[in-house]
C-alpha atoms as a PDB file:
ATOM      1  CA  UNK A   1       0.000   0.000   0.000  1.00  0.00           C
ATOM      2  CA  UNK A   2       1.452   3.342  -1.036  1.00  0.00           C
ATOM      3  CA  UNK A   3       1.067   6.395   1.137  1.00  0.00           C
ATOM      4  CA  UNK A   4       0.357   9.534  -0.843  1.00  0.00           C
ATOM      5  CA  UNK A   5       1.285  12.794   0.851  1.00  0.00           C
ATOM      6  CA  UNK A   6       0.269  16.020  -0.832  1.00  0.00           C
ATOM      7  CA  UNK A   7       1.715  19.374   0.061  1.00  0.00           C
ATOM      8  CA  UNK A   8       0.115  22.723  -0.670  1.00  0.00           C
ATOM      9  CA  UNK A   9       3.472  23.828  -2.078  1.00  0.00           C
ATOM     10  CA  UNK A  10       3.582  21.057  -4.668  1.00  0.00           C
ATOM     11  CA  UNK A  11       1.622  21.301  -7.936  1.00  0.00           C
ATOM     12  CA  UNK A  12      -0.093  17.947  -7.311  1.00  0.00           C
ATOM     13  CA  UNK A  13      -1.770  19.056  -4.065  1.00  0.00           C
ATOM     14  CA  UNK A  14      -5.355  18.789  -5.266  1.00  0.00           C
ATOM     15  CA  UNK A  15      -4.648  16.400  -8.118  1.00  0.00           C
ATOM     16  CA  UNK A  16      -6.571  13.587  -6.459  1.00  0.00           C
ATOM     17  CA  UNK A  17      -9.562  15.811  -5.685  1.00  0.00           C
ATOM     18  CA  UNK A  18      -9.578  17.274  -9.192  1.00  0.00           C
ATOM     19  CA  UNK A  19      -9.742  13.852 -10.797  1.00  0.00           C
ATOM     20  CA  UNK A  20     -12.410  12.365  -8.554  1.00  0.00           C
ATOM     21  CA  UNK A  21     -14.855  15.188  -7.871  1.00  0.00           C
ATOM     22  CA  UNK A  22     -16.286  18.011  -9.969  1.00  0.00           C
ATOM     23  CA  UNK A  23     -15.799  21.544  -8.585  1.00  0.00           C
ATOM     24  CA  UNK A  24     -19.429  21.887  -7.539  1.00  0.00           C
ATOM     25  CA  UNK A  25     -19.220  18.819  -5.307  1.00  0.00           C
ATOM     26  CA  UNK A  26     -15.894  20.036  -3.905  1.00  0.00           C
ATOM     27  CA  UNK A  27     -17.569  23.361  -3.052  1.00  0.00           C
ATOM     28  CA  UNK A  28     -20.418  21.548  -1.295  1.00  0.00           C
ATOM     29  CA  UNK A  29     -17.967  19.428   0.701  1.00  0.00           C
ATOM     30  CA  UNK A  30     -15.912  22.501   1.605  1.00  0.00           C
ATOM     31  CA  UNK A  31     -19.019  24.326   2.763  1.00  0.00           C
ATOM     32  CA  UNK A  32     -20.236  21.360   4.804  1.00  0.00           C
ATOM     33  CA  UNK A  33     -16.779  20.918   6.329  1.00  0.00           C
ATOM     34  CA  UNK A  34     -16.586  24.534   7.507  1.00  0.00           C
ATOM     35  CA  UNK A  35     -20.202  24.397   8.699  1.00  0.00           C
ATOM     36  CA  UNK A  36     -19.409  21.246  10.673  1.00  0.00           C
ATOM     37  CA  UNK A  37     -16.402  22.845  12.355  1.00  0.00           C
ATOM     38  CA  UNK A  38     -18.461  25.932  13.217  1.00  0.00           C
ATOM     39  CA  UNK A  39     -21.248  23.771  14.644  1.00  0.00           C
ATOM     40  CA  UNK A  40     -18.772  21.696  16.661  1.00  0.00           C
ATOM     41  CA  UNK A  41     -17.171  24.841  18.080  1.00  0.00           C
ATOM     42  CA  UNK A  42     -20.480  26.417  18.985  1.00  0.00           C
ATOM     43  CA  UNK A  43     -21.729  23.149  20.517  1.00  0.00           C
ATOM     44  CA  UNK A  44     -19.214  23.670  23.310  1.00  0.00           C
ATOM     45  CA  UNK A  45     -21.736  26.025  24.866  1.00  0.00           C
ATOM     46  CA  UNK A  46     -23.865  22.998  25.741  1.00  0.00           C
ATOM     47  CA  UNK A  47     -20.960  21.354  27.524  1.00  0.00           C
ATOM     48  CA  UNK A  48     -20.132  24.371  29.659  1.00  0.00           C
ATOM     49  CA  UNK A  49     -21.929  24.886  32.946  1.00  0.00           C
ATOM     50  CA  UNK A  50     -22.205  28.323  34.475  1.00  0.00           C
ATOM     51  CA  UNK A  51     -19.994  31.213  33.582  1.00  0.00           C
ATOM     52  CA  UNK A  52     -16.349  30.378  33.142  1.00  0.00           C
ATOM     53  CA  UNK A  53     -14.560  33.653  32.562  1.00  0.00           C
ATOM     54  CA  UNK A  54     -11.135  32.162  31.781  1.00  0.00           C
ATOM     55  CA  UNK A  55     -12.570  29.925  29.075  1.00  0.00           C
ATOM     56  CA  UNK A  56     -14.510  32.837  27.571  1.00  0.00           C
ATOM     57  CA  UNK A  57     -11.429  35.054  27.583  1.00  0.00           C
ATOM     58  CA  UNK A  58      -9.337  32.287  26.011  1.00  0.00           C
ATOM     59  CA  UNK A  59     -11.961  31.684  23.333  1.00  0.00           C
ATOM     60  CA  UNK A  60     -12.194  35.371  22.486  1.00  0.00           C
ATOM     61  CA  UNK A  61      -8.411  35.659  22.326  1.00  0.00           C
ATOM     62  CA  UNK A  62      -8.182  32.637  20.032  1.00  0.00           C
ATOM     63  CA  UNK A  63     -10.940  34.008  17.788  1.00  0.00           C
ATOM     64  CA  UNK A  64      -9.188  37.382  17.610  1.00  0.00           C
ATOM     65  CA  UNK A  65      -5.949  35.671  16.601  1.00  0.00           C
ATOM     66  CA  UNK A  66      -7.683  33.640  13.913  1.00  0.00           C
ATOM     67  CA  UNK A  67      -9.366  36.743  12.493  1.00  0.00           C
ATOM     68  CA  UNK A  68      -6.107  38.701  12.556  1.00  0.00           C
ATOM     69  CA  UNK A  69      -4.323  35.886  10.702  1.00  0.00           C
ATOM     70  CA  UNK A  70      -7.170  35.598   8.213  1.00  0.00           C
ATOM     71  CA  UNK A  71      -7.159  39.323   7.531  1.00  0.00           C
ATOM     72  CA  UNK A  72      -3.405  39.313   7.014  1.00  0.00           C
ATOM     73  CA  UNK A  73      -3.176  36.286   4.718  1.00  0.00           C
ATOM     74  CA  UNK A  74      -6.339  37.081   2.760  1.00  0.00           C
ATOM     75  CA  UNK A  75      -6.151  40.877   2.523  1.00  0.00           C
ATOM     76  CA  UNK A  76      -2.932  42.495   3.677  1.00  0.00           C
ATOM     77  CA  UNK A  77      -0.333  40.135   2.179  1.00  0.00           C
ATOM     78  CA  UNK A  78      -1.927  40.185  -1.317  1.00  0.00           C
ATOM     79  CA  UNK A  79      -2.245  43.990  -1.149  1.00  0.00           C
ATOM     80  CA  UNK A  80       1.427  44.329  -0.220  1.00  0.00           C
ATOM     81  CA  UNK A  81       2.378  41.983  -3.087  1.00  0.00           C
ATOM     82  CA  UNK A  82       0.313  44.046  -5.525  1.00  0.00           C
ATOM     83  CA  UNK A  83       1.935  47.255  -4.315  1.00  0.00           C
ATOM     84  CA  UNK A  84       5.370  45.635  -4.669  1.00  0.00           C
ATOM     85  CA  UNK A  85       4.715  44.515  -8.216  1.00  0.00           C
ATOM     86  CA  UNK A  86       3.321  47.919  -9.222  1.00  0.00           C
ATOM     87  CA  UNK A  87       6.728  49.559  -8.928  1.00  0.00           C
ATOM     88  CA  UNK A  88       5.216  52.723  -7.432  1.00  0.00           C
ATOM     89  CA  UNK A  89       6.603  52.179  -3.909  1.00  0.00           C
ATOM     90  CA  UNK A  90      10.362  52.123  -4.263  1.00  0.00           C
ATOM     91  CA  UNK A  91      12.648  50.526  -6.800  1.00  0.00           C
ATOM     92  CA  UNK A  92      12.512  47.103  -5.160  1.00  0.00           C
ATOM     93  CA  UNK A  93       9.180  47.594  -3.371  1.00  0.00           C
ATOM     94  CA  UNK A  94      10.676  48.573  -0.014  1.00  0.00           C
ATOM     95  CA  UNK A  95       7.729  50.910   0.687  1.00  0.00           C
ATOM     96  CA  UNK A  96       5.013  48.493  -0.431  1.00  0.00           C
ATOM     97  CA  UNK A  97       3.476  48.622   3.049  1.00  0.00           C
ATOM     98  CA  UNK A  98       2.591  52.303   2.555  1.00  0.00           C
ATOM     99  CA  UNK A  99      -0.857  51.880   0.940  1.00  0.00           C
ATOM    100  CA  UNK A 100      -1.811  49.073   3.338  1.00  0.00           C
ATOM    101  CA  UNK A 101      -0.669  50.457   6.703  1.00  0.00           C
ATOM    102  CA  UNK A 102      -3.095  53.426   6.878  1.00  0.00           C
ATOM    103  CA  UNK A 103      -6.080  51.159   6.246  1.00  0.00           C
ATOM    104  CA  UNK A 104      -4.917  48.697   8.892  1.00  0.00           C
ATOM    105  CA  UNK A 105      -4.436  51.429  11.494  1.00  0.00           C
ATOM    106  CA  UNK A 106      -7.731  53.126  10.583  1.00  0.00           C
ATOM    107  CA  UNK A 107      -9.468  49.778  11.104  1.00  0.00           C
ATOM    108  CA  UNK A 108      -7.821  49.383  14.519  1.00  0.00           C
ATOM    109  CA  UNK A 109      -8.809  52.964  15.400  1.00  0.00           C
ATOM    110  CA  UNK A 110     -12.418  52.256  14.372  1.00  0.00           C
ATOM    111  CA  UNK A 111     -12.580  49.146  16.581  1.00  0.00           C
ATOM    112  CA  UNK A 112     -11.109  51.090  19.509  1.00  0.00           C
ATOM    113  CA  UNK A 113     -13.551  53.989  18.996  1.00  0.00           C
ATOM    114  CA  UNK A 114     -16.513  51.615  18.734  1.00  0.00           C
ATOM    115  CA  UNK A 115     -15.437  49.927  21.980  1.00  0.00           C
ATOM    116  CA  UNK A 116     -15.167  53.280  23.752  1.00  0.00           C
ATOM    117  CA  UNK A 117     -18.557  54.451  22.426  1.00  0.00           C
ATOM    118  CA  UNK A 118     -20.233  51.208  23.501  1.00  0.00           C
ATOM    119  CA  UNK A 119     -18.794  51.675  26.968  1.00  0.00           C
ATOM    120  CA  UNK A 120     -19.867  55.338  27.024  1.00  0.00           C
ATOM    121  CA  UNK A 121     -23.442  54.555  25.971  1.00  0.00           C
ATOM    122  CA  UNK A 122     -23.493  51.451  28.216  1.00  0.00           C
ATOM    123  CA  UNK A 123     -24.373  49.152  25.330  1.00  0.00           C
ATOM    124  CA  UNK A 124     -24.121  45.508  26.329  1.00  0.00           C
ATOM    125  CA  UNK A 125     -23.262  46.264  29.940  1.00  0.00           C
ATOM    126  CA  UNK A 126     -24.894  45.458  33.240  1.00  0.00           C
ATOM    127  CA  UNK A 127     -25.093  49.192  33.927  1.00  0.00           C
ATOM    128  CA  UNK A 128     -27.594  49.501  31.075  1.00  0.00           C
ATOM    129  CA  UNK A 129     -29.733  46.760  32.609  1.00  0.00           C
ATOM    130  CA  UNK A 130     -29.670  48.571  35.953  1.00  0.00           C
ATOM    131  CA  UNK A 131     -30.580  51.906  34.338  1.00  0.00           C
ATOM    132  CA  UNK A 132     -33.512  50.277  32.508  1.00  0.00           C
ATOM    133  CA  UNK A 133     -34.795  48.714  35.735  1.00  0.00           C
ATOM    134  CA  UNK A 134     -34.337  45.174  34.479  1.00  0.00           C
ATOM    135  CA  UNK A 135     -34.838  42.715  37.290  1.00  0.00           C
ATOM    136  CA  UNK A 136     -33.366  39.242  36.990  1.00  0.00           C
ATOM    137  CA  UNK A 137     -34.243  36.247  39.108  1.00  0.00           C
ATOM    138  CA  UNK A 138     -30.839  34.922  40.147  1.00  0.00           C
ATOM    139  CA  UNK A 139     -31.952  32.660  42.970  1.00  0.00           C
ATOM    140  CA  UNK A 140     -29.882  29.527  43.676  1.00  0.00           C
ATOM    141  CA  UNK A 141     -32.732  27.302  42.479  1.00  0.00           C
ATOM    142  CA  UNK A 142     -32.977  28.938  39.063  1.00  0.00           C
ATOM    143  CA  UNK A 143     -29.192  29.058  38.696  1.00  0.00           C
ATOM    144  CA  UNK A 144     -28.982  25.328  39.380  1.00  0.00           C
ATOM    145  CA  UNK A 145     -31.609  24.625  36.717  1.00  0.00           C
ATOM    146  CA  UNK A 146     -29.851  26.996  34.318  1.00  0.00           C
ATOM    147  CA  UNK A 147     -32.881  29.293  34.097  1.00  0.00           C
ATOM    148  CA  UNK A 148     -32.430  33.011  34.521  1.00  0.00           C
ATOM    149  CA  UNK A 149     -35.590  35.052  34.191  1.00  0.00           C
ATOM    150  CA  UNK A 150     -35.387  38.771  33.507  1.00  0.00           C
ATOM    151  CA  UNK A 151     -38.244  41.250  33.553  1.00  0.00           C
ATOM    152  CA  UNK A 152     -38.335  44.855  32.277  1.00  0.00           C
ATOM    153  CA  UNK A 153     -40.020  47.225  34.703  1.00  0.00           C
ATOM    154  CA  UNK A 154     -40.939  49.770  32.030  1.00  0.00           C
ATOM    155  CA  UNK A 155     -40.283  52.866  34.087  1.00  0.00           C
END
């Protein structure tokens, strides 16, 4: 039995898939695969009991890292390569980061400003719930059952 190992760097990486499956079926399998991974990741919420702050913080940090890597490899790196090949940013492309860097920093500034505005307007905070006179039933019995009932006073 021969073991076939394909590398993304080699031209024959998807040779097997290209011969066996049409592109439409490959797209369906790719979609189902990513959906399955998303569903498996979100199903962790059913396995968690109570509020576990460390796990939440770790999950958010991991998600931020994944999104940062995705934005770099899908957007920033190709933009830098295009700027390099254009010849407009130095003789050998040493200033190819110039058209990309302002957009990256403006995006970071927007996220920071949105975070500050949400804090200022108390969006998504417990302070907003207190200001709106939202009463939640956090008795030990309801916590044990996993039921938290909240009621809006309306005043």
